[in-house]
Amino acid sequence: MSMSLALIVHIFLAILWVGGMAFAHVVLRPSSEFLDLKPRVLLWHGVLGRFLPLVWVAVVGLPLSGYTMIFVGFGGLAAIGPAIWVMQVVGWWMIGLFLYVYFKPYQRLRYMVKEELFPEAGLYMLRIRRIMLTNLILGTLVVLFAAGGRYW
């Protein structure tokens, strides 16, 4: 993969993940608050069922494209600056939070929806949204570091 293709893939996947979280938290969450619990849970269940597979693509593609740029374009880890180090650390933290969300509260949410236990599902939905907010903040910081890193 060339440096320019790796950069395009990297930016696209970052936009997809961080932008999706921004939409979910800033637009969808407040817009769904007027719904009763059952339709709100079903809405979020459907949204997450479509969004999380896209995040899986980002979770795999971002490190692949990022490390391609580091080793092909920059000459290895010794040649990168502090912005890319910050991006790596925060990015891996975000991936860890996503993996937790996917394998713990999201699986419980799916089970609770399947069993039609909507109050319990609502608790898992809330946990997911809080972690998503944390990842949104981290992702926004990563984007800012990436955008300004060359000027440090």
C-alpha atoms as a PDB file:
ATOM      1  CA  MET A   1       0.000   0.000   0.000  1.00  0.00           C
ATOM      2  CA  SER A   2       1.386   3.386  -0.972  1.00  0.00           C
ATOM      3  CA  MET A   3       1.725   6.236   1.489  1.00  0.00           C
ATOM      4  CA  SER A   4      -1.030   8.266  -0.208  1.00  0.00           C
ATOM      5  CA  LEU A   5      -3.478   5.332  -0.247  1.00  0.00           C
ATOM      6  CA  ALA A   6      -2.693   4.562   3.406  1.00  0.00           C
ATOM      7  CA  LEU A   7      -3.352   8.201   4.322  1.00  0.00           C
ATOM      8  CA  ILE A   8      -6.656   8.257   2.415  1.00  0.00           C
ATOM      9  CA  VAL A   9      -7.811   5.027   4.069  1.00  0.00           C
ATOM     10  CA  HIS A  10      -6.688   6.285   7.479  1.00  0.00           C
ATOM     11  CA  ILE A  11      -8.516   9.594   7.211  1.00  0.00           C
ATOM     12  CA  PHE A  12     -11.665   7.984   5.808  1.00  0.00           C
ATOM     13  CA  LEU A  13     -11.841   5.414   8.613  1.00  0.00           C
ATOM     14  CA  ALA A  14     -11.202   8.051  11.280  1.00  0.00           C
ATOM     15  CA  ILE A  15     -14.004  10.195   9.847  1.00  0.00           C
ATOM     16  CA  LEU A  16     -16.301   7.170   9.731  1.00  0.00           C
ATOM     17  CA  TRP A  17     -15.678   6.187  13.361  1.00  0.00           C
ATOM     18  CA  VAL A  18     -15.428   9.591  15.034  1.00  0.00           C
ATOM     19  CA  GLY A  19     -18.097  11.126  12.831  1.00  0.00           C
ATOM     20  CA  GLY A  20     -20.461   8.250  13.547  1.00  0.00           C
ATOM     21  CA  MET A  21     -19.975   8.692  17.277  1.00  0.00           C
ATOM     22  CA  ALA A  22     -20.499  12.442  16.947  1.00  0.00           C
ATOM     23  CA  PHE A  23     -23.733  11.922  15.045  1.00  0.00           C
ATOM     24  CA  ALA A  24     -24.949   9.343  17.565  1.00  0.00           C
ATOM     25  CA  HIS A  25     -24.178  11.492  20.588  1.00  0.00           C
ATOM     26  CA  VAL A  26     -24.924  14.991  19.323  1.00  0.00           C
ATOM     27  CA  VAL A  27     -27.868  14.319  16.988  1.00  0.00           C
ATOM     28  CA  LEU A  28     -29.442  10.903  17.566  1.00  0.00           C
ATOM     29  CA  ARG A  29     -29.283  10.773  21.367  1.00  0.00           C
ATOM     30  CA  PRO A  30     -31.109  14.041  22.040  1.00  0.00           C
ATOM     31  CA  SER A  31     -33.526  13.402  19.167  1.00  0.00           C
ATOM     32  CA  SER A  32     -34.521  10.007  20.591  1.00  0.00           C
ATOM     33  CA  GLU A  33     -35.072  11.190  24.169  1.00  0.00           C
ATOM     34  CA  PHE A  34     -38.780  11.850  23.567  1.00  0.00           C
ATOM     35  CA  LEU A  35     -39.379   8.184  22.680  1.00  0.00           C
ATOM     36  CA  ASP A  36     -40.662   5.733  25.253  1.00  0.00           C
ATOM     37  CA  LEU A  37     -38.120   3.205  26.488  1.00  0.00           C
ATOM     38  CA  LYS A  38     -39.009   0.287  24.184  1.00  0.00           C
ATOM     39  CA  PRO A  39     -38.869   2.186  20.867  1.00  0.00           C
ATOM     40  CA  ARG A  40     -35.759   4.080  22.037  1.00  0.00           C
ATOM     41  CA  VAL A  41     -33.985   0.820  22.881  1.00  0.00           C
ATOM     42  CA  LEU A  42     -35.073  -0.705  19.566  1.00  0.00           C
ATOM     43  CA  LEU A  43     -33.829   2.360  17.700  1.00  0.00           C
ATOM     44  CA  TRP A  44     -30.408   2.255  19.376  1.00  0.00           C
ATOM     45  CA  HIS A  45     -30.233  -1.516  18.938  1.00  0.00           C
ATOM     46  CA  GLY A  46     -30.787  -1.036  15.207  1.00  0.00           C
ATOM     47  CA  VAL A  47     -28.336   1.840  14.939  1.00  0.00           C
ATOM     48  CA  LEU A  48     -25.614  -0.034  16.804  1.00  0.00           C
ATOM     49  CA  GLY A  49     -26.260  -3.130  14.706  1.00  0.00           C
ATOM     50  CA  ARG A  50     -25.363  -1.085  11.628  1.00  0.00           C
ATOM     51  CA  PHE A  51     -22.658   1.147  13.118  1.00  0.00           C
ATOM     52  CA  LEU A  52     -20.550  -1.355  15.062  1.00  0.00           C
ATOM     53  CA  PRO A  53     -19.652  -3.478  11.999  1.00  0.00           C
ATOM     54  CA  LEU A  54     -18.332  -0.280  10.421  1.00  0.00           C
ATOM     55  CA  VAL A  55     -16.294   0.373  13.557  1.00  0.00           C
ATOM     56  CA  TRP A  56     -14.812  -3.131  13.190  1.00  0.00           C
ATOM     57  CA  VAL A  57     -13.545  -2.063   9.759  1.00  0.00           C
ATOM     58  CA  ALA A  58     -12.030   1.051  11.356  1.00  0.00           C
ATOM     59  CA  VAL A  59     -10.518  -0.918  14.258  1.00  0.00           C
ATOM     60  CA  VAL A  60      -8.685  -3.148  11.787  1.00  0.00           C
ATOM     61  CA  GLY A  61      -7.998  -0.589   9.078  1.00  0.00           C
ATOM     62  CA  LEU A  62      -6.741   2.307  11.193  1.00  0.00           C
ATOM     63  CA  PRO A  63      -3.771   0.444  12.725  1.00  0.00           C
ATOM     64  CA  LEU A  64      -2.965  -1.197   9.369  1.00  0.00           C
ATOM     65  CA  SER A  65      -2.993   2.096   7.486  1.00  0.00           C
ATOM     66  CA  GLY A  66      -1.285   3.939  10.348  1.00  0.00           C
ATOM     67  CA  TYR A  67       1.576   1.485  10.684  1.00  0.00           C
ATOM     68  CA  THR A  68       1.908   1.362   6.898  1.00  0.00           C
ATOM     69  CA  MET A  69       2.469   5.120   6.951  1.00  0.00           C
ATOM     70  CA  ILE A  70       4.895   4.856   9.870  1.00  0.00           C
ATOM     71  CA  PHE A  71       7.053   2.147   8.323  1.00  0.00           C
ATOM     72  CA  VAL A  72       6.691   2.939   4.600  1.00  0.00           C
ATOM     73  CA  GLY A  73       6.389   6.716   4.670  1.00  0.00           C
ATOM     74  CA  PHE A  74       8.253   7.837   7.776  1.00  0.00           C
ATOM     75  CA  GLY A  75      10.966   5.188   8.071  1.00  0.00           C
ATOM     76  CA  GLY A  76       9.877   3.502  11.296  1.00  0.00           C
ATOM     77  CA  LEU A  77       8.981   4.276  14.886  1.00  0.00           C
ATOM     78  CA  ALA A  78      12.239   6.102  15.579  1.00  0.00           C
ATOM     79  CA  ALA A  79      11.375   8.728  12.967  1.00  0.00           C
ATOM     80  CA  ILE A  80       7.903   9.742  14.161  1.00  0.00           C
ATOM     81  CA  GLY A  81       7.072  12.801  16.203  1.00  0.00           C
ATOM     82  CA  PRO A  82       5.065  13.236  19.397  1.00  0.00           C
ATOM     83  CA  ALA A  83       1.744  13.745  17.595  1.00  0.00           C
ATOM     84  CA  ILE A  84       1.929  10.284  16.044  1.00  0.00           C
ATOM     85  CA  TRP A  85       2.938   8.749  19.382  1.00  0.00           C
ATOM     86  CA  VAL A  86      -0.094  10.392  20.996  1.00  0.00           C
ATOM     87  CA  MET A  87      -2.260   9.182  18.114  1.00  0.00           C
ATOM     88  CA  GLN A  88      -1.060   5.608  18.642  1.00  0.00           C
ATOM     89  CA  VAL A  89      -1.593   5.557  22.391  1.00  0.00           C
ATOM     90  CA  VAL A  90      -5.032   7.161  22.270  1.00  0.00           C
ATOM     91  CA  GLY A  91      -6.014   5.073  19.241  1.00  0.00           C
ATOM     92  CA  TRP A  92      -5.180   1.808  21.026  1.00  0.00           C
ATOM     93  CA  TRP A  93      -7.082   3.025  24.089  1.00  0.00           C
ATOM     94  CA  MET A  94     -10.098   3.724  21.864  1.00  0.00           C
ATOM     95  CA  ILE A  95      -9.839   0.285  20.293  1.00  0.00           C
ATOM     96  CA  GLY A  96      -9.757  -1.266  23.780  1.00  0.00           C
ATOM     97  CA  LEU A  97     -12.896   0.625  24.783  1.00  0.00           C
ATOM     98  CA  PHE A  98     -14.624  -0.449  21.581  1.00  0.00           C
ATOM     99  CA  LEU A  99     -13.722  -4.094  22.158  1.00  0.00           C
ATOM    100  CA  TYR A 100     -15.120  -3.867  25.685  1.00  0.00           C
ATOM    101  CA  VAL A 101     -18.355  -2.278  24.393  1.00  0.00           C
ATOM    102  CA  TYR A 102     -18.754  -4.844  21.648  1.00  0.00           C
ATOM    103  CA  PHE A 103     -18.063  -7.961  23.697  1.00  0.00           C
ATOM    104  CA  LYS A 104     -19.710  -6.944  26.988  1.00  0.00           C
ATOM    105  CA  PRO A 105     -22.524  -4.356  27.104  1.00  0.00           C
ATOM    106  CA  TYR A 106     -23.482  -4.645  23.417  1.00  0.00           C
ATOM    107  CA  GLN A 107     -23.854  -8.426  23.642  1.00  0.00           C
ATOM    108  CA  ARG A 108     -25.935  -8.000  26.802  1.00  0.00           C
ATOM    109  CA  LEU A 109     -28.050  -5.349  25.057  1.00  0.00           C
ATOM    110  CA  ARG A 110     -28.683  -7.732  22.154  1.00  0.00           C
ATOM    111  CA  TYR A 111     -29.711 -10.483  24.551  1.00  0.00           C
ATOM    112  CA  MET A 112     -32.021  -8.199  26.529  1.00  0.00           C
ATOM    113  CA  VAL A 113     -33.705  -6.973  23.339  1.00  0.00           C
ATOM    114  CA  LYS A 114     -34.126 -10.563  22.132  1.00  0.00           C
ATOM    115  CA  GLU A 115     -35.738 -11.467  25.460  1.00  0.00           C
ATOM    116  CA  GLU A 116     -37.775  -8.223  25.408  1.00  0.00           C
ATOM    117  CA  LEU A 117     -36.301  -7.070  28.719  1.00  0.00           C
ATOM    118  CA  PHE A 118     -36.344  -3.406  27.804  1.00  0.00           C
ATOM    119  CA  PRO A 119     -35.593  -1.795  31.202  1.00  0.00           C
ATOM    120  CA  GLU A 120     -32.456  -3.945  31.480  1.00  0.00           C
ATOM    121  CA  ALA A 121     -31.595  -3.260  27.837  1.00  0.00           C
ATOM    122  CA  GLY A 122     -31.908   0.451  28.566  1.00  0.00           C
ATOM    123  CA  LEU A 123     -29.233   0.176  31.247  1.00  0.00           C
ATOM    124  CA  TYR A 124     -26.811  -1.441  28.810  1.00  0.00           C
ATOM    125  CA  MET A 125     -27.712   1.159  26.194  1.00  0.00           C
ATOM    126  CA  LEU A 126     -26.818   3.896  28.678  1.00  0.00           C
ATOM    127  CA  ARG A 127     -23.482   2.224  29.470  1.00  0.00           C
ATOM    128  CA  ILE A 128     -22.683   1.983  25.760  1.00  0.00           C
ATOM    129  CA  ARG A 129     -23.544   5.641  25.170  1.00  0.00           C
ATOM    130  CA  ARG A 130     -21.318   6.761  28.047  1.00  0.00           C
ATOM    131  CA  ILE A 131     -18.357   4.791  26.733  1.00  0.00           C
ATOM    132  CA  MET A 132     -19.130   6.081  23.236  1.00  0.00           C
ATOM    133  CA  LEU A 133     -18.946   9.628  24.611  1.00  0.00           C
ATOM    134  CA  THR A 134     -15.530   8.844  26.103  1.00  0.00           C
ATOM    135  CA  ASN A 135     -14.375   7.481  22.751  1.00  0.00           C
ATOM    136  CA  LEU A 136     -15.823  10.511  20.979  1.00  0.00           C
ATOM    137  CA  ILE A 137     -13.766  12.822  23.197  1.00  0.00           C
ATOM    138  CA  LEU A 138     -10.633  10.700  22.704  1.00  0.00           C
ATOM    139  CA  GLY A 139     -11.226  10.501  18.953  1.00  0.00           C
ATOM    140  CA  THR A 140     -11.686  14.252  18.707  1.00  0.00           C
ATOM    141  CA  LEU A 141      -8.399  14.776  20.562  1.00  0.00           C
ATOM    142  CA  VAL A 142      -6.643  12.352  18.203  1.00  0.00           C
ATOM    143  CA  VAL A 143      -7.974  14.234  15.178  1.00  0.00           C
ATOM    144  CA  LEU A 144      -6.764  17.529  16.649  1.00  0.00           C
ATOM    145  CA  PHE A 145      -3.316  16.079  17.383  1.00  0.00           C
ATOM    146  CA  ALA A 146      -3.161  14.639  13.874  1.00  0.00           C
ATOM    147  CA  ALA A 147      -4.244  17.894  12.265  1.00  0.00           C
ATOM    148  CA  GLY A 148      -1.815  20.056  14.227  1.00  0.00           C
ATOM    149  CA  GLY A 149       1.036  17.610  14.768  1.00  0.00           C
ATOM    150  CA  ARG A 150       3.137  18.707  11.837  1.00  0.00           C
ATOM    151  CA  TYR A 151       3.242  22.240  13.299  1.00  0.00           C
ATOM    152  CA  TRP A 152       4.595  21.307  16.735  1.00  0.00           C
END
